[in-house]
């Protein structure tokens, strides 16, 4: 399954590990950087998603790694999580599928 396209706007922001650590400390009470942090800024009516996906630039050593983090954040905005092993595996399959499609499309262009 490929995640549905969301109506709305999703902003992608590349940040350094220090900035990611500050965001995690402020919003997740986690005093370390992570690869991705997503914020759903929607008004809650379900009509459209407005969100920001912060990506730790040091976690991206190429286009494929960047796409993995971006799609991971996007899937969080679409409602997926990885609280259980089953959810984590489903999310990873979805990320892999989306990255594969994006890389194939980019290679064909």
N, C-alpha and C. Protein backbone atom coordinates (compact mmCIF):
# COMPACT_ATOMS: atom_id res chain seq x y z
N UNK A 1 0.84 -1.18 0.00
CA UNK A 1 0.00 0.00 0.00
C UNK A 1 0.88 1.24 0.00
N UNK A 2 0.55 2.19 -0.82
CA UNK A 2 1.24 3.49 -0.81
C UNK A 2 0.33 4.47 -0.07
N UNK A 3 0.93 5.24 0.82
CA UNK A 3 0.16 6.19 1.62
C UNK A 3 -0.61 7.14 0.71
N UNK A 4 -1.79 7.54 1.16
CA UNK A 4 -2.57 8.48 0.36
C UNK A 4 -1.88 9.85 0.30
N UNK A 5 -2.11 10.54 -0.79
CA UNK A 5 -1.62 11.91 -0.87
C UNK A 5 -2.48 12.78 0.03
N UNK A 6 -1.85 13.60 0.79
CA UNK A 6 -2.56 14.48 1.70
C UNK A 6 -2.87 15.80 1.02
N UNK A 7 -4.04 16.31 1.25
CA UNK A 7 -4.37 17.66 0.82
C UNK A 7 -3.69 18.61 1.79
N UNK A 8 -3.16 19.71 1.28
CA UNK A 8 -2.54 20.69 2.16
C UNK A 8 -1.10 20.92 1.80
N UNK A 9 -0.37 21.42 2.77
CA UNK A 9 1.03 21.80 2.57
C UNK A 9 1.90 21.17 3.64
N UNK A 10 2.97 20.55 3.20
CA UNK A 10 3.96 19.99 4.12
C UNK A 10 5.29 20.65 3.78
N UNK A 11 5.86 21.31 4.76
CA UNK A 11 7.15 21.97 4.60
C UNK A 11 8.24 21.05 5.12
N UNK A 12 9.33 20.94 4.37
CA UNK A 12 10.48 20.13 4.76
C UNK A 12 11.60 21.08 5.15
N UNK A 13 12.15 20.90 6.36
CA UNK A 13 13.20 21.78 6.85
C UNK A 13 14.40 20.92 7.25
N UNK A 14 15.54 21.16 6.64
CA UNK A 14 16.78 20.48 7.02
C UNK A 14 17.42 21.27 8.16
N UNK A 15 17.78 20.58 9.23
CA UNK A 15 18.38 21.24 10.39
C UNK A 15 19.62 20.47 10.82
N UNK A 16 20.48 21.15 11.57
CA UNK A 16 21.66 20.47 12.09
C UNK A 16 21.27 19.70 13.36
N UNK A 17 22.13 18.79 13.81
CA UNK A 17 21.79 17.97 14.99
C UNK A 17 21.50 18.81 16.24
N UNK A 18 22.19 19.93 16.40
CA UNK A 18 21.95 20.78 17.57
C UNK A 18 20.53 21.34 17.58
N UNK A 19 20.08 21.79 16.43
CA UNK A 19 18.71 22.31 16.32
C UNK A 19 17.70 21.19 16.56
N UNK A 20 17.98 20.01 16.02
CA UNK A 20 17.07 18.88 16.23
C UNK A 20 17.00 18.52 17.70
N UNK A 21 18.12 18.58 18.39
CA UNK A 21 18.14 18.28 19.83
C UNK A 21 17.30 19.29 20.59
N UNK A 22 17.39 20.56 20.23
CA UNK A 22 16.59 21.60 20.90
C UNK A 22 15.10 21.35 20.68
N UNK A 23 14.72 21.01 19.44
CA UNK A 23 13.32 20.72 19.14
C UNK A 23 12.83 19.50 19.94
N UNK A 24 13.63 18.45 19.98
CA UNK A 24 13.25 17.26 20.73
C UNK A 24 13.13 17.55 22.22
N UNK A 25 14.03 18.34 22.74
CA UNK A 25 13.99 18.68 24.16
C UNK A 25 12.72 19.48 24.47
N UNK A 26 12.39 20.43 23.61
CA UNK A 26 11.24 21.30 23.86
C UNK A 26 9.90 20.59 23.68
N UNK A 27 9.80 19.73 22.68
CA UNK A 27 8.50 19.16 22.33
C UNK A 27 8.31 17.69 22.69
N UNK A 28 9.41 16.98 22.91
CA UNK A 28 9.28 15.55 23.22
C UNK A 28 9.96 15.19 24.53
N UNK A 29 10.58 16.18 25.19
CA UNK A 29 11.31 15.94 26.44
C UNK A 29 12.34 14.84 26.26
N UNK A 30 12.99 14.88 25.10
CA UNK A 30 14.02 13.92 24.73
C UNK A 30 15.29 14.72 24.44
N UNK A 31 16.31 14.55 25.25
CA UNK A 31 17.50 15.39 25.15
C UNK A 31 18.55 14.79 24.23
N UNK A 32 18.13 14.58 22.97
CA UNK A 32 19.07 14.11 21.94
C UNK A 32 18.45 14.38 20.58
N UNK A 33 19.31 14.47 19.57
CA UNK A 33 18.77 14.64 18.21
C UNK A 33 18.20 13.33 17.69
N UNK A 34 17.21 13.42 16.84
CA UNK A 34 16.68 12.28 16.12
C UNK A 34 16.80 12.57 14.64
N UNK A 35 16.49 11.61 13.80
CA UNK A 35 16.60 11.80 12.35
C UNK A 35 15.47 12.66 11.79
N UNK A 36 14.26 12.51 12.37
CA UNK A 36 13.06 13.16 11.82
C UNK A 36 12.17 13.61 12.97
N UNK A 37 11.51 14.74 12.78
CA UNK A 37 10.51 15.21 13.73
C UNK A 37 9.41 15.89 12.93
N UNK A 38 8.18 15.43 13.10
CA UNK A 38 7.05 15.96 12.33
C UNK A 38 6.10 16.71 13.25
N UNK A 39 5.56 17.81 12.74
CA UNK A 39 4.57 18.58 13.47
C UNK A 39 3.35 18.77 12.58
N UNK A 40 2.22 18.30 13.05
CA UNK A 40 0.95 18.50 12.36
C UNK A 40 0.39 19.84 12.83
N UNK A 41 0.29 20.79 11.92
CA UNK A 41 -0.18 22.12 12.24
C UNK A 41 -1.61 22.35 11.75
N UNK A 42 -2.30 21.27 11.42
CA UNK A 42 -3.67 21.36 10.90
C UNK A 42 -4.61 21.91 11.96
N UNK A 43 -5.72 22.43 11.49
CA UNK A 43 -6.71 22.97 12.42
C UNK A 43 -7.61 21.90 13.01
N UNK A 44 -7.44 20.65 12.58
CA UNK A 44 -8.18 19.55 13.17
C UNK A 44 -9.49 19.21 12.50
N UNK A 45 -9.88 19.92 11.46
CA UNK A 45 -11.16 19.61 10.81
C UNK A 45 -11.04 18.47 9.81
N UNK A 46 -9.83 18.00 9.57
CA UNK A 46 -9.61 16.87 8.67
C UNK A 46 -9.63 17.21 7.20
N UNK A 47 -9.88 18.47 6.87
CA UNK A 47 -9.98 18.86 5.46
C UNK A 47 -8.62 18.88 4.78
N UNK A 48 -7.60 19.33 5.48
CA UNK A 48 -6.27 19.44 4.89
C UNK A 48 -5.23 19.32 5.98
N UNK A 49 -4.07 18.83 5.59
CA UNK A 49 -2.95 18.73 6.53
C UNK A 49 -2.01 19.89 6.27
N UNK A 50 -1.67 20.56 7.32
CA UNK A 50 -0.61 21.56 7.29
C UNK A 50 0.44 21.04 8.25
N UNK A 51 1.65 20.88 7.77
CA UNK A 51 2.65 20.31 8.65
C UNK A 51 4.06 20.70 8.29
N UNK A 52 4.95 20.40 9.21
CA UNK A 52 6.38 20.63 9.02
C UNK A 52 7.10 19.34 9.38
N UNK A 53 8.02 18.94 8.52
CA UNK A 53 8.87 17.78 8.79
C UNK A 53 10.30 18.31 8.90
N UNK A 54 10.88 18.20 10.09
CA UNK A 54 12.27 18.57 10.30
C UNK A 54 13.12 17.32 10.08
N UNK A 55 14.17 17.46 9.30
CA UNK A 55 15.06 16.35 8.99
C UNK A 55 16.47 16.72 9.43
N UNK A 56 17.09 15.85 10.20
CA UNK A 56 18.46 16.03 10.64
C UNK A 56 19.38 15.85 9.42
N UNK A 57 20.01 16.93 8.99
CA UNK A 57 20.82 16.88 7.77
C UNK A 57 21.99 15.90 7.87
N UNK A 58 22.47 15.63 9.06
CA UNK A 58 23.58 14.70 9.22
C UNK A 58 23.14 13.24 9.06
N UNK A 59 21.82 13.01 9.09
CA UNK A 59 21.30 11.65 8.92
C UNK A 59 21.09 11.32 7.45
N UNK A 60 21.44 12.26 6.58
CA UNK A 60 21.18 12.09 5.15
C UNK A 60 22.49 12.14 4.38
N UNK A 61 22.99 10.98 4.00
CA UNK A 61 24.25 10.93 3.27
C UNK A 61 24.03 10.75 1.77
N UNK A 62 22.86 11.12 1.31
CA UNK A 62 22.54 11.04 -0.12
C UNK A 62 21.05 11.21 -0.33
N UNK A 63 20.65 11.24 -1.57
CA UNK A 63 19.25 11.47 -1.91
C UNK A 63 18.33 10.40 -1.33
N UNK A 64 18.73 9.15 -1.43
CA UNK A 64 17.88 8.07 -0.93
C UNK A 64 17.65 8.20 0.57
N UNK A 65 18.69 8.51 1.33
CA UNK A 65 18.55 8.69 2.78
C UNK A 65 17.67 9.89 3.10
N UNK A 66 17.82 10.96 2.34
CA UNK A 66 16.97 12.14 2.54
C UNK A 66 15.50 11.78 2.29
N UNK A 67 15.24 11.08 1.19
CA UNK A 67 13.87 10.68 0.88
C UNK A 67 13.29 9.78 1.97
N UNK A 68 14.09 8.88 2.51
CA UNK A 68 13.62 8.01 3.59
C UNK A 68 13.13 8.85 4.77
N UNK A 69 13.89 9.86 5.15
CA UNK A 69 13.50 10.70 6.30
C UNK A 69 12.28 11.55 5.97
N UNK A 70 12.24 12.11 4.76
CA UNK A 70 11.10 12.94 4.37
C UNK A 70 9.83 12.10 4.35
N UNK A 71 9.86 10.93 3.73
CA UNK A 71 8.67 10.09 3.66
C UNK A 71 8.28 9.56 5.03
N UNK A 72 9.24 9.29 5.87
CA UNK A 72 8.95 8.86 7.24
C UNK A 72 8.14 9.95 7.96
N UNK A 73 8.60 11.19 7.85
CA UNK A 73 7.87 12.29 8.46
C UNK A 73 6.49 12.48 7.87
N UNK A 74 6.41 12.34 6.55
CA UNK A 74 5.13 12.46 5.85
C UNK A 74 4.14 11.41 6.36
N UNK A 75 4.62 10.18 6.55
CA UNK A 75 3.73 9.12 7.03
C UNK A 75 3.23 9.40 8.44
N UNK A 76 4.05 10.05 9.26
CA UNK A 76 3.56 10.47 10.57
C UNK A 76 2.40 11.45 10.40
N UNK A 77 2.54 12.40 9.49
CA UNK A 77 1.46 13.36 9.25
C UNK A 77 0.22 12.68 8.70
N UNK A 78 0.41 11.56 7.98
CA UNK A 78 -0.71 10.80 7.43
C UNK A 78 -1.35 9.88 8.47
N UNK A 79 -0.78 9.86 9.67
CA UNK A 79 -1.39 9.09 10.75
C UNK A 79 -0.69 7.81 11.13
N UNK A 80 0.39 7.46 10.47
CA UNK A 80 1.11 6.24 10.83
C UNK A 80 2.07 6.51 11.99
N UNK A 81 2.35 5.46 12.74
CA UNK A 81 3.37 5.56 13.77
C UNK A 81 4.13 4.25 13.85
N UNK A 82 5.04 4.17 14.79
CA UNK A 82 5.84 2.96 14.94
C UNK A 82 5.97 2.61 16.42
N UNK A 83 4.81 2.62 17.08
CA UNK A 83 4.80 2.31 18.52
C UNK A 83 4.97 0.82 18.78
N UNK A 84 4.52 -0.01 17.86
CA UNK A 84 4.70 -1.46 18.01
C UNK A 84 5.63 -1.96 16.91
N UNK A 85 6.13 -3.17 17.08
CA UNK A 85 7.02 -3.74 16.07
C UNK A 85 6.27 -3.91 14.75
N UNK A 86 5.01 -4.32 14.84
CA UNK A 86 4.19 -4.49 13.63
C UNK A 86 4.00 -3.15 12.90
N UNK A 87 3.70 -2.09 13.66
CA UNK A 87 3.55 -0.77 13.07
C UNK A 87 4.86 -0.28 12.46
N UNK A 88 5.96 -0.55 13.15
CA UNK A 88 7.27 -0.14 12.67
C UNK A 88 7.61 -0.83 11.35
N UNK A 89 7.31 -2.13 11.27
CA UNK A 89 7.58 -2.87 10.04
C UNK A 89 6.70 -2.37 8.89
N UNK A 90 5.43 -2.09 9.19
CA UNK A 90 4.52 -1.58 8.16
C UNK A 90 4.99 -0.20 7.66
N UNK A 91 5.43 0.63 8.60
CA UNK A 91 5.90 1.96 8.22
C UNK A 91 7.16 1.86 7.37
N UNK A 92 8.07 0.96 7.73
CA UNK A 92 9.31 0.80 6.97
C UNK A 92 9.02 0.28 5.57
N UNK A 93 8.07 -0.64 5.45
CA UNK A 93 7.69 -1.13 4.11
C UNK A 93 7.14 0.02 3.27
N UNK A 94 6.31 0.86 3.87
CA UNK A 94 5.72 1.99 3.15
C UNK A 94 6.80 2.98 2.72
N UNK A 95 7.72 3.30 3.63
CA UNK A 95 8.82 4.21 3.31
C UNK A 95 9.64 3.63 2.16
N UNK A 96 9.98 2.35 2.24
CA UNK A 96 10.79 1.71 1.20
C UNK A 96 10.09 1.76 -0.15
N UNK A 97 8.79 1.52 -0.15
CA UNK A 97 8.02 1.55 -1.38
C UNK A 97 8.01 2.96 -1.99
N UNK A 98 7.79 3.96 -1.14
CA UNK A 98 7.74 5.35 -1.61
C UNK A 98 9.11 5.79 -2.14
N UNK A 99 10.17 5.43 -1.43
CA UNK A 99 11.52 5.78 -1.88
C UNK A 99 11.82 5.10 -3.21
N UNK A 100 11.46 3.83 -3.33
CA UNK A 100 11.69 3.11 -4.58
C UNK A 100 11.00 3.77 -5.75
N UNK A 101 9.75 4.17 -5.54
CA UNK A 101 9.01 4.84 -6.60
C UNK A 101 9.65 6.19 -6.96
N UNK A 102 10.04 6.93 -5.95
CA UNK A 102 10.65 8.24 -6.20
C UNK A 102 11.99 8.10 -6.92
N UNK A 103 12.80 7.14 -6.51
CA UNK A 103 14.09 6.94 -7.15
C UNK A 103 13.91 6.47 -8.59
N UNK A 104 12.94 5.58 -8.83
CA UNK A 104 12.69 5.10 -10.19
C UNK A 104 12.19 6.23 -11.08
N UNK A 105 11.34 7.05 -10.53
CA UNK A 105 10.81 8.18 -11.31
C UNK A 105 11.92 9.19 -11.61
N UNK A 106 12.75 9.45 -10.63
CA UNK A 106 13.85 10.39 -10.82
C UNK A 106 14.87 9.88 -11.82
N UNK A 107 15.12 8.57 -11.79
CA UNK A 107 16.09 7.98 -12.71
C UNK A 107 15.57 8.00 -14.15
N UNK A 108 14.24 7.97 -14.29
CA UNK A 108 13.64 7.94 -15.63
C UNK A 108 13.55 9.33 -16.23
N UNK A 109 13.68 10.35 -15.41
CA UNK A 109 13.53 11.74 -15.91
C UNK A 109 14.75 12.23 -16.63
